[in-house]
Amino acid sequence: MNNVRAALLLAVAIYTHPAAAQRWVGAVKIGGISSVYAGDLATGPIDWKRQTGGFGAIAIAMNLGTALRPAVELQFVQMGASTAVRLQDVPYALESNLTYLTIPLMAEYAFPTRNELHPRVFGGPFVSVEVTSNLTLTPREEELVGIRQEHRFETIDYGFTVGAGLNFGLDSQDVGVELRYMSGSRDVSGSDPILGDASISNRGIVVLVGLHF
């Protein structure tokens, strides 16, 4: 029993030691995403228009005492796109909106510097789980009625993300700005009478500001 108690006390002492406390670093990030689809509908090639949405993340990374470290995030992402379609020879404006919870697993490299500016690059795979999704069809002819329906895209998406960031001190607070690119690797169109036999995947450009601690 004394040996067990001594081991527990040693573990607590190591965990609460300042060096151990610095082993994990975190961040809260907020910004926006410009998203679009890659792919076409059953009617043929589509010229997708970008949409903007919100983007938020909670990040944690393991400080290995080197320039390279692993990092994981929990992200809230609003994505979508819009385009023009013809259904039964009637022109419509189609708008798609999706919300995801996304988890990327990334490797992050911080370039050594001798000043307060710390550039870094990162990248890795991600997995997304759909939270909400809907399609809106608005007719171009005023006498027709629009259609809004909840459309279940594929629940799971996956792909990769790459980006670069710059950290700097601001009033004793470590602040970071980031630019990212996200590319989904799965056809997320699902089964829908409006989309038909579609094949589309997610793309997004992300700008973030974060507080690091």
C-alpha atoms as a PDB file:
ATOM      1  CA  MET A   1       0.000   0.000   0.000  1.00  0.00           C
ATOM      2  CA  ASN A   2       2.831   2.390   0.852  1.00  0.00           C
ATOM      3  CA  ASN A   3       4.418   1.676  -2.515  1.00  0.00           C
ATOM      4  CA  VAL A   4       1.148   2.472  -4.330  1.00  0.00           C
ATOM      5  CA  ARG A   5       0.746   5.699  -2.351  1.00  0.00           C
ATOM      6  CA  ALA A   6       4.309   6.732  -3.122  1.00  0.00           C
ATOM      7  CA  ALA A   7       3.818   6.030  -6.836  1.00  0.00           C
ATOM      8  CA  LEU A   8       0.633   8.144  -6.917  1.00  0.00           C
ATOM      9  CA  LEU A   9       2.364  11.033  -5.150  1.00  0.00           C
ATOM     10  CA  LEU A  10       5.256  10.831  -7.611  1.00  0.00           C
ATOM     11  CA  ALA A  11       2.845  10.861 -10.597  1.00  0.00           C
ATOM     12  CA  VAL A  12       1.039  13.929  -9.235  1.00  0.00           C
ATOM     13  CA  ALA A  13       4.346  15.702  -8.635  1.00  0.00           C
ATOM     14  CA  ILE A  14       5.508  15.007 -12.181  1.00  0.00           C
ATOM     15  CA  TYR A  15       2.192  16.094 -13.724  1.00  0.00           C
ATOM     16  CA  THR A  16       2.096  19.361 -11.800  1.00  0.00           C
ATOM     17  CA  HIS A  17       5.752  20.179 -12.401  1.00  0.00           C
ATOM     18  CA  PRO A  18       6.134  23.343 -14.556  1.00  0.00           C
ATOM     19  CA  ALA A  19       8.043  21.431 -17.222  1.00  0.00           C
ATOM     20  CA  ALA A  20       5.186  18.948 -17.532  1.00  0.00           C
ATOM     21  CA  ALA A  21       2.615  21.740 -17.609  1.00  0.00           C
ATOM     22  CA  GLN A  22       4.317  23.130 -20.702  1.00  0.00           C
ATOM     23  CA  ARG A  23       4.124  19.770 -22.463  1.00  0.00           C
ATOM     24  CA  TRP A  24       0.612  20.585 -23.708  1.00  0.00           C
ATOM     25  CA  VAL A  25      -0.260  23.842 -25.445  1.00  0.00           C
ATOM     26  CA  GLY A  26      -3.706  24.939 -26.539  1.00  0.00           C
ATOM     27  CA  ALA A  27      -5.515  27.566 -28.572  1.00  0.00           C
ATOM     28  CA  VAL A  28      -8.972  28.944 -29.271  1.00  0.00           C
ATOM     29  CA  LYS A  29      -9.482  30.038 -32.888  1.00  0.00           C
ATOM     30  CA  ILE A  30     -12.246  31.825 -34.761  1.00  0.00           C
ATOM     31  CA  GLY A  31     -12.642  32.988 -38.339  1.00  0.00           C
ATOM     32  CA  GLY A  32     -14.381  32.255 -41.610  1.00  0.00           C
ATOM     33  CA  ILE A  33     -14.343  29.843 -44.516  1.00  0.00           C
ATOM     34  CA  SER A  34     -14.958  30.376 -48.232  1.00  0.00           C
ATOM     35  CA  SER A  35     -16.296  27.035 -49.449  1.00  0.00           C
ATOM     36  CA  VAL A  36     -17.321  25.525 -52.764  1.00  0.00           C
ATOM     37  CA  TYR A  37     -18.065  22.140 -54.301  1.00  0.00           C
ATOM     38  CA  ALA A  38     -15.903  20.270 -56.753  1.00  0.00           C
ATOM     39  CA  GLY A  39     -17.946  18.102 -59.108  1.00  0.00           C
ATOM     40  CA  ASP A  40     -21.117  18.092 -61.174  1.00  0.00           C
ATOM     41  CA  LEU A  41     -24.807  17.276 -61.011  1.00  0.00           C
ATOM     42  CA  ALA A  42     -26.601  14.745 -63.195  1.00  0.00           C
ATOM     43  CA  THR A  43     -27.630  17.589 -65.530  1.00  0.00           C
ATOM     44  CA  GLY A  44     -24.009  18.117 -66.527  1.00  0.00           C
ATOM     45  CA  PRO A  45     -21.069  20.405 -65.635  1.00  0.00           C
ATOM     46  CA  ILE A  46     -21.898  22.962 -62.946  1.00  0.00           C
ATOM     47  CA  ASP A  47     -20.359  26.360 -62.254  1.00  0.00           C
ATOM     48  CA  TRP A  48     -20.420  26.393 -58.446  1.00  0.00           C
ATOM     49  CA  LYS A  49     -20.271  29.721 -56.626  1.00  0.00           C
ATOM     50  CA  ARG A  50     -18.460  30.107 -53.312  1.00  0.00           C
ATOM     51  CA  GLN A  51     -20.244  30.731 -50.031  1.00  0.00           C
ATOM     52  CA  THR A  52     -18.848  32.114 -46.797  1.00  0.00           C
ATOM     53  CA  GLY A  53     -19.481  30.615 -43.386  1.00  0.00           C
ATOM     54  CA  GLY A  54     -18.243  30.593 -39.829  1.00  0.00           C
ATOM     55  CA  PHE A  55     -15.318  28.558 -38.546  1.00  0.00           C
ATOM     56  CA  GLY A  56     -14.304  27.933 -34.942  1.00  0.00           C
ATOM     57  CA  ALA A  57     -11.790  25.570 -33.370  1.00  0.00           C
ATOM     58  CA  ILE A  58     -10.330  24.393 -30.085  1.00  0.00           C
ATOM     59  CA  ALA A  59      -6.775  23.097 -30.529  1.00  0.00           C
ATOM     60  CA  ILE A  60      -4.292  21.169 -28.436  1.00  0.00           C
ATOM     61  CA  ALA A  61      -0.722  20.240 -29.324  1.00  0.00           C
ATOM     62  CA  MET A  62       2.000  18.238 -27.615  1.00  0.00           C
ATOM     63  CA  ASN A  63       5.209  20.175 -27.018  1.00  0.00           C
ATOM     64  CA  LEU A  64       8.030  17.711 -27.698  1.00  0.00           C
ATOM     65  CA  GLY A  65      10.787  20.267 -27.224  1.00  0.00           C
ATOM     66  CA  THR A  66      11.457  20.261 -30.960  1.00  0.00           C
ATOM     67  CA  ALA A  67      10.257  22.295 -33.937  1.00  0.00           C
ATOM     68  CA  LEU A  68       7.914  19.462 -34.975  1.00  0.00           C
ATOM     69  CA  ARG A  69       4.881  18.546 -32.876  1.00  0.00           C
ATOM     70  CA  PRO A  70       1.540  16.714 -33.254  1.00  0.00           C
ATOM     71  CA  ALA A  71      -1.722  18.647 -32.932  1.00  0.00           C
ATOM     72  CA  VAL A  72      -5.451  17.877 -32.896  1.00  0.00           C
ATOM     73  CA  GLU A  73      -8.464  20.185 -33.169  1.00  0.00           C
ATOM     74  CA  LEU A  74     -12.218  20.110 -32.723  1.00  0.00           C
ATOM     75  CA  GLN A  75     -13.759  22.378 -35.363  1.00  0.00           C
ATOM     76  CA  PHE A  76     -17.221  23.793 -36.061  1.00  0.00           C
ATOM     77  CA  VAL A  77     -17.481  24.435 -39.800  1.00  0.00           C
ATOM     78  CA  GLN A  78     -20.226  25.991 -41.968  1.00  0.00           C
ATOM     79  CA  MET A  79     -19.859  25.046 -45.637  1.00  0.00           C
ATOM     80  CA  GLY A  80     -21.902  25.146 -48.826  1.00  0.00           C
ATOM     81  CA  ALA A  81     -22.160  26.405 -52.379  1.00  0.00           C
ATOM     82  CA  SER A  82     -24.692  27.770 -54.859  1.00  0.00           C
ATOM     83  CA  THR A  83     -25.380  27.458 -58.561  1.00  0.00           C
ATOM     84  CA  ALA A  84     -28.038  27.761 -61.263  1.00  0.00           C
ATOM     85  CA  VAL A  85     -29.963  24.671 -62.414  1.00  0.00           C
ATOM     86  CA  ARG A  86     -32.872  23.849 -64.706  1.00  0.00           C
ATOM     87  CA  LEU A  87     -35.552  21.442 -63.503  1.00  0.00           C
ATOM     88  CA  GLN A  88     -38.312  20.499 -65.952  1.00  0.00           C
ATOM     89  CA  ASP A  89     -37.079  23.343 -68.138  1.00  0.00           C
ATOM     90  CA  VAL A  90     -37.577  25.883 -65.328  1.00  0.00           C
ATOM     91  CA  PRO A  91     -34.530  27.894 -64.124  1.00  0.00           C
ATOM     92  CA  TYR A  92     -33.787  27.762 -60.398  1.00  0.00           C
ATOM     93  CA  ALA A  93     -31.103  29.114 -58.080  1.00  0.00           C
ATOM     94  CA  LEU A  94     -29.837  26.254 -55.913  1.00  0.00           C
ATOM     95  CA  GLU A  95     -28.176  26.928 -52.567  1.00  0.00           C
ATOM     96  CA  SER A  96     -26.722  24.251 -50.305  1.00  0.00           C
ATOM     97  CA  ASN A  97     -25.711  24.728 -46.662  1.00  0.00           C
ATOM     98  CA  LEU A  98     -23.979  22.241 -44.375  1.00  0.00           C
ATOM     99  CA  THR A  99     -22.638  22.283 -40.834  1.00  0.00           C
ATOM    100  CA  TYR A 100     -19.886  19.910 -39.745  1.00  0.00           C
ATOM    101  CA  LEU A 101     -17.999  18.923 -36.632  1.00  0.00           C
ATOM    102  CA  THR A 102     -14.490  18.218 -37.880  1.00  0.00           C
ATOM    103  CA  ILE A 103     -11.434  16.658 -36.270  1.00  0.00           C
ATOM    104  CA  PRO A 104      -8.065  17.043 -38.036  1.00  0.00           C
ATOM    105  CA  LEU A 105      -4.921  15.224 -36.911  1.00  0.00           C
ATOM    106  CA  MET A 106      -1.962  17.343 -37.963  1.00  0.00           C
ATOM    107  CA  ALA A 107       1.800  17.593 -37.838  1.00  0.00           C
ATOM    108  CA  GLU A 108       2.973  21.138 -37.161  1.00  0.00           C
ATOM    109  CA  TYR A 109       6.437  22.570 -37.808  1.00  0.00           C
ATOM    110  CA  ALA A 110       7.511  25.883 -36.232  1.00  0.00           C
ATOM    111  CA  PHE A 111      10.436  27.617 -37.902  1.00  0.00           C
ATOM    112  CA  PRO A 112      13.150  28.708 -35.434  1.00  0.00           C
ATOM    113  CA  THR A 113      13.472  32.505 -35.188  1.00  0.00           C
ATOM    114  CA  ARG A 114      15.306  35.025 -33.023  1.00  0.00           C
ATOM    115  CA  ASN A 115      12.434  37.486 -32.716  1.00  0.00           C
ATOM    116  CA  GLU A 116       8.803  37.496 -31.597  1.00  0.00           C
ATOM    117  CA  LEU A 117       7.473  36.392 -34.991  1.00  0.00           C
ATOM    118  CA  HIS A 118       7.080  32.608 -35.212  1.00  0.00           C
ATOM    119  CA  PRO A 119       6.001  31.224 -38.612  1.00  0.00           C
ATOM    120  CA  ARG A 120       4.743  27.661 -38.849  1.00  0.00           C
ATOM    121  CA  VAL A 121       3.263  25.212 -41.332  1.00  0.00           C
ATOM    122  CA  PHE A 122       0.961  22.279 -40.684  1.00  0.00           C
ATOM    123  CA  GLY A 123      -1.092  19.617 -42.392  1.00  0.00           C
ATOM    124  CA  GLY A 124      -2.804  16.280 -42.023  1.00  0.00           C
ATOM    125  CA  PRO A 125      -6.007  14.274 -42.541  1.00  0.00           C
ATOM    126  CA  PHE A 126      -9.421  15.177 -41.155  1.00  0.00           C
ATOM    127  CA  VAL A 127     -12.758  13.483 -40.512  1.00  0.00           C
ATOM    128  CA  SER A 128     -16.044  15.432 -40.541  1.00  0.00           C
ATOM    129  CA  VAL A 129     -19.469  14.508 -39.168  1.00  0.00           C
ATOM    130  CA  GLU A 130     -22.481  16.290 -40.634  1.00  0.00           C
ATOM    131  CA  VAL A 131     -24.677  18.107 -38.108  1.00  0.00           C
ATOM    132  CA  THR A 132     -27.192  19.897 -40.359  1.00  0.00           C
ATOM    133  CA  SER A 133     -27.776  20.276 -44.082  1.00  0.00           C
ATOM    134  CA  ASN A 134     -30.400  21.721 -46.394  1.00  0.00           C
ATOM    135  CA  LEU A 135     -31.079  22.662 -49.992  1.00  0.00           C
ATOM    136  CA  THR A 136     -32.961  25.740 -51.164  1.00  0.00           C
ATOM    137  CA  LEU A 137     -34.382  26.046 -54.692  1.00  0.00           C
ATOM    138  CA  THR A 138     -35.527  29.546 -55.665  1.00  0.00           C
ATOM    139  CA  PRO A 139     -37.271  29.878 -59.047  1.00  0.00           C
ATOM    140  CA  ARG A 140     -36.129  32.649 -61.361  1.00  0.00           C
ATOM    141  CA  GLU A 141     -39.762  33.172 -62.404  1.00  0.00           C
ATOM    142  CA  GLU A 142     -41.789  35.126 -59.835  1.00  0.00           C
ATOM    143  CA  GLU A 143     -45.021  33.158 -60.237  1.00  0.00           C
ATOM    144  CA  LEU A 144     -43.397  29.949 -59.057  1.00  0.00           C
ATOM    145  CA  VAL A 145     -42.920  28.903 -55.421  1.00  0.00           C
ATOM    146  CA  GLY A 146     -39.487  28.103 -53.999  1.00  0.00           C
ATOM    147  CA  ILE A 147     -38.543  24.835 -52.346  1.00  0.00           C
ATOM    148  CA  ARG A 148     -36.593  24.462 -49.117  1.00  0.00           C
ATOM    149  CA  GLN A 149     -35.903  21.014 -47.773  1.00  0.00           C
ATOM    150  CA  GLU A 150     -33.554  19.267 -45.384  1.00  0.00           C
ATOM    151  CA  HIS A 151     -31.261  17.134 -47.452  1.00  0.00           C
ATOM    152  CA  ARG A 152     -29.090  14.525 -45.822  1.00  0.00           C
ATOM    153  CA  PHE A 153     -25.752  14.584 -47.513  1.00  0.00           C
ATOM    154  CA  GLU A 154     -23.328  11.799 -46.646  1.00  0.00           C
ATOM    155  CA  THR A 155     -22.928  11.886 -42.875  1.00  0.00           C
ATOM    156  CA  ILE A 156     -19.173  11.321 -42.903  1.00  0.00           C
ATOM    157  CA  ASP A 157     -16.632  13.237 -44.947  1.00  0.00           C
ATOM    158  CA  TYR A 158     -12.855  12.934 -44.888  1.00  0.00           C
ATOM    159  CA  GLY A 159      -9.914  14.551 -46.599  1.00  0.00           C
ATOM    160  CA  PHE A 160      -6.825  16.589 -45.846  1.00  0.00           C
ATOM    161  CA  THR A 161      -5.943  20.106 -44.740  1.00  0.00           C
ATOM    162  CA  VAL A 162      -2.755  22.139 -45.113  1.00  0.00           C
ATOM    163  CA  GLY A 163      -1.920  25.628 -43.986  1.00  0.00           C
ATOM    164  CA  ALA A 164       0.495  28.184 -42.600  1.00  0.00           C
ATOM    165  CA  GLY A 165       0.378  30.474 -39.588  1.00  0.00           C
ATOM    166  CA  LEU A 166       2.235  33.265 -37.847  1.00  0.00           C
ATOM    167  CA  ASN A 167       2.358  33.704 -34.084  1.00  0.00           C
ATOM    168  CA  PHE A 168       3.371  36.923 -32.341  1.00  0.00           C
ATOM    169  CA  GLY A 169       3.127  38.583 -28.950  1.00  0.00           C
ATOM    170  CA  LEU A 170       0.441  41.182 -28.308  1.00  0.00           C
ATOM    171  CA  ASP A 171       0.190  42.702 -24.815  1.00  0.00           C
ATOM    172  CA  SER A 172       1.792  39.586 -23.272  1.00  0.00           C
ATOM    173  CA  GLN A 173      -0.690  37.365 -25.142  1.00  0.00           C
ATOM    174  CA  ASP A 174       0.412  34.869 -27.807  1.00  0.00           C
ATOM    175  CA  VAL A 175      -1.743  35.602 -30.870  1.00  0.00           C
ATOM    176  CA  GLY A 176      -1.789  33.651 -34.128  1.00  0.00           C
ATOM    177  CA  VAL A 177      -3.192  34.137 -37.621  1.00  0.00           C
ATOM    178  CA  GLU A 178      -3.648  31.261 -40.066  1.00  0.00           C
ATOM    179  CA  LEU A 179      -4.504  30.524 -43.675  1.00  0.00           C
ATOM    180  CA  ARG A 180      -5.694  27.004 -44.525  1.00  0.00           C
ATOM    181  CA  TYR A 181      -6.939  24.914 -47.408  1.00  0.00           C
ATOM    182  CA  MET A 182      -9.368  22.017 -46.873  1.00  0.00           C
ATOM    183  CA  SER A 183     -10.108  19.361 -49.490  1.00  0.00           C
ATOM    184  CA  GLY A 184     -12.719  16.650 -49.012  1.00  0.00           C
ATOM    185  CA  SER A 185     -11.983  13.301 -50.628  1.00  0.00           C
ATOM    186  CA  ARG A 186     -15.489  11.813 -50.526  1.00  0.00           C
ATOM    187  CA  ASP A 187     -18.545  12.280 -52.726  1.00  0.00           C
ATOM    188  CA  VAL A 188     -20.940  13.821 -50.179  1.00  0.00           C
ATOM    189  CA  SER A 189     -23.962  14.358 -52.462  1.00  0.00           C
ATOM    190  CA  GLY A 190     -25.990  11.491 -51.000  1.00  0.00           C
ATOM    191  CA  SER A 191     -29.282  10.422 -52.600  1.00  0.00           C
ATOM    192  CA  ASP A 192     -31.714  13.165 -53.532  1.00  0.00           C
ATOM    193  CA  PRO A 193     -34.272  13.718 -56.351  1.00  0.00           C
ATOM    194  CA  ILE A 194     -33.062  17.312 -56.790  1.00  0.00           C
ATOM    195  CA  LEU A 195     -29.370  16.563 -57.026  1.00  0.00           C
ATOM    196  CA  GLY A 196     -29.928  13.398 -59.009  1.00  0.00           C
ATOM    197  CA  ASP A 197     -26.873  11.315 -59.804  1.00  0.00           C
ATOM    198  CA  ALA A 198     -24.432  13.956 -58.555  1.00  0.00           C
ATOM    199  CA  SER A 199     -20.795  13.687 -57.608  1.00  0.00           C
ATOM    200  CA  ILE A 200     -19.569  16.557 -55.422  1.00  0.00           C
ATOM    201  CA  SER A 201     -16.912  17.041 -52.747  1.00  0.00           C
ATOM    202  CA  ASN A 202     -16.093  19.846 -50.335  1.00  0.00           C
ATOM    203  CA  ARG A 203     -13.388  22.474 -50.778  1.00  0.00           C
ATOM    204  CA  GLY A 204     -12.624  25.427 -48.513  1.00  0.00           C
ATOM    205  CA  ILE A 205     -10.194  28.271 -47.823  1.00  0.00           C
ATOM    206  CA  VAL A 206     -10.029  29.258 -44.144  1.00  0.00           C
ATOM    207  CA  VAL A 207      -8.761  32.410 -42.392  1.00  0.00           C
ATOM    208  CA  LEU A 208      -8.391  32.251 -38.596  1.00  0.00           C
ATOM    209  CA  VAL A 209      -7.282  34.336 -35.628  1.00  0.00           C
ATOM    210  CA  GLY A 210      -6.411  32.542 -32.414  1.00  0.00           C
ATOM    211  CA  LEU A 211      -5.325  33.018 -28.823  1.00  0.00           C
ATOM    212  CA  HIS A 212      -2.610  30.519 -27.811  1.00  0.00           C
ATOM    213  CA  PHE A 213      -1.860  29.472 -24.252  1.00  0.00           C
END
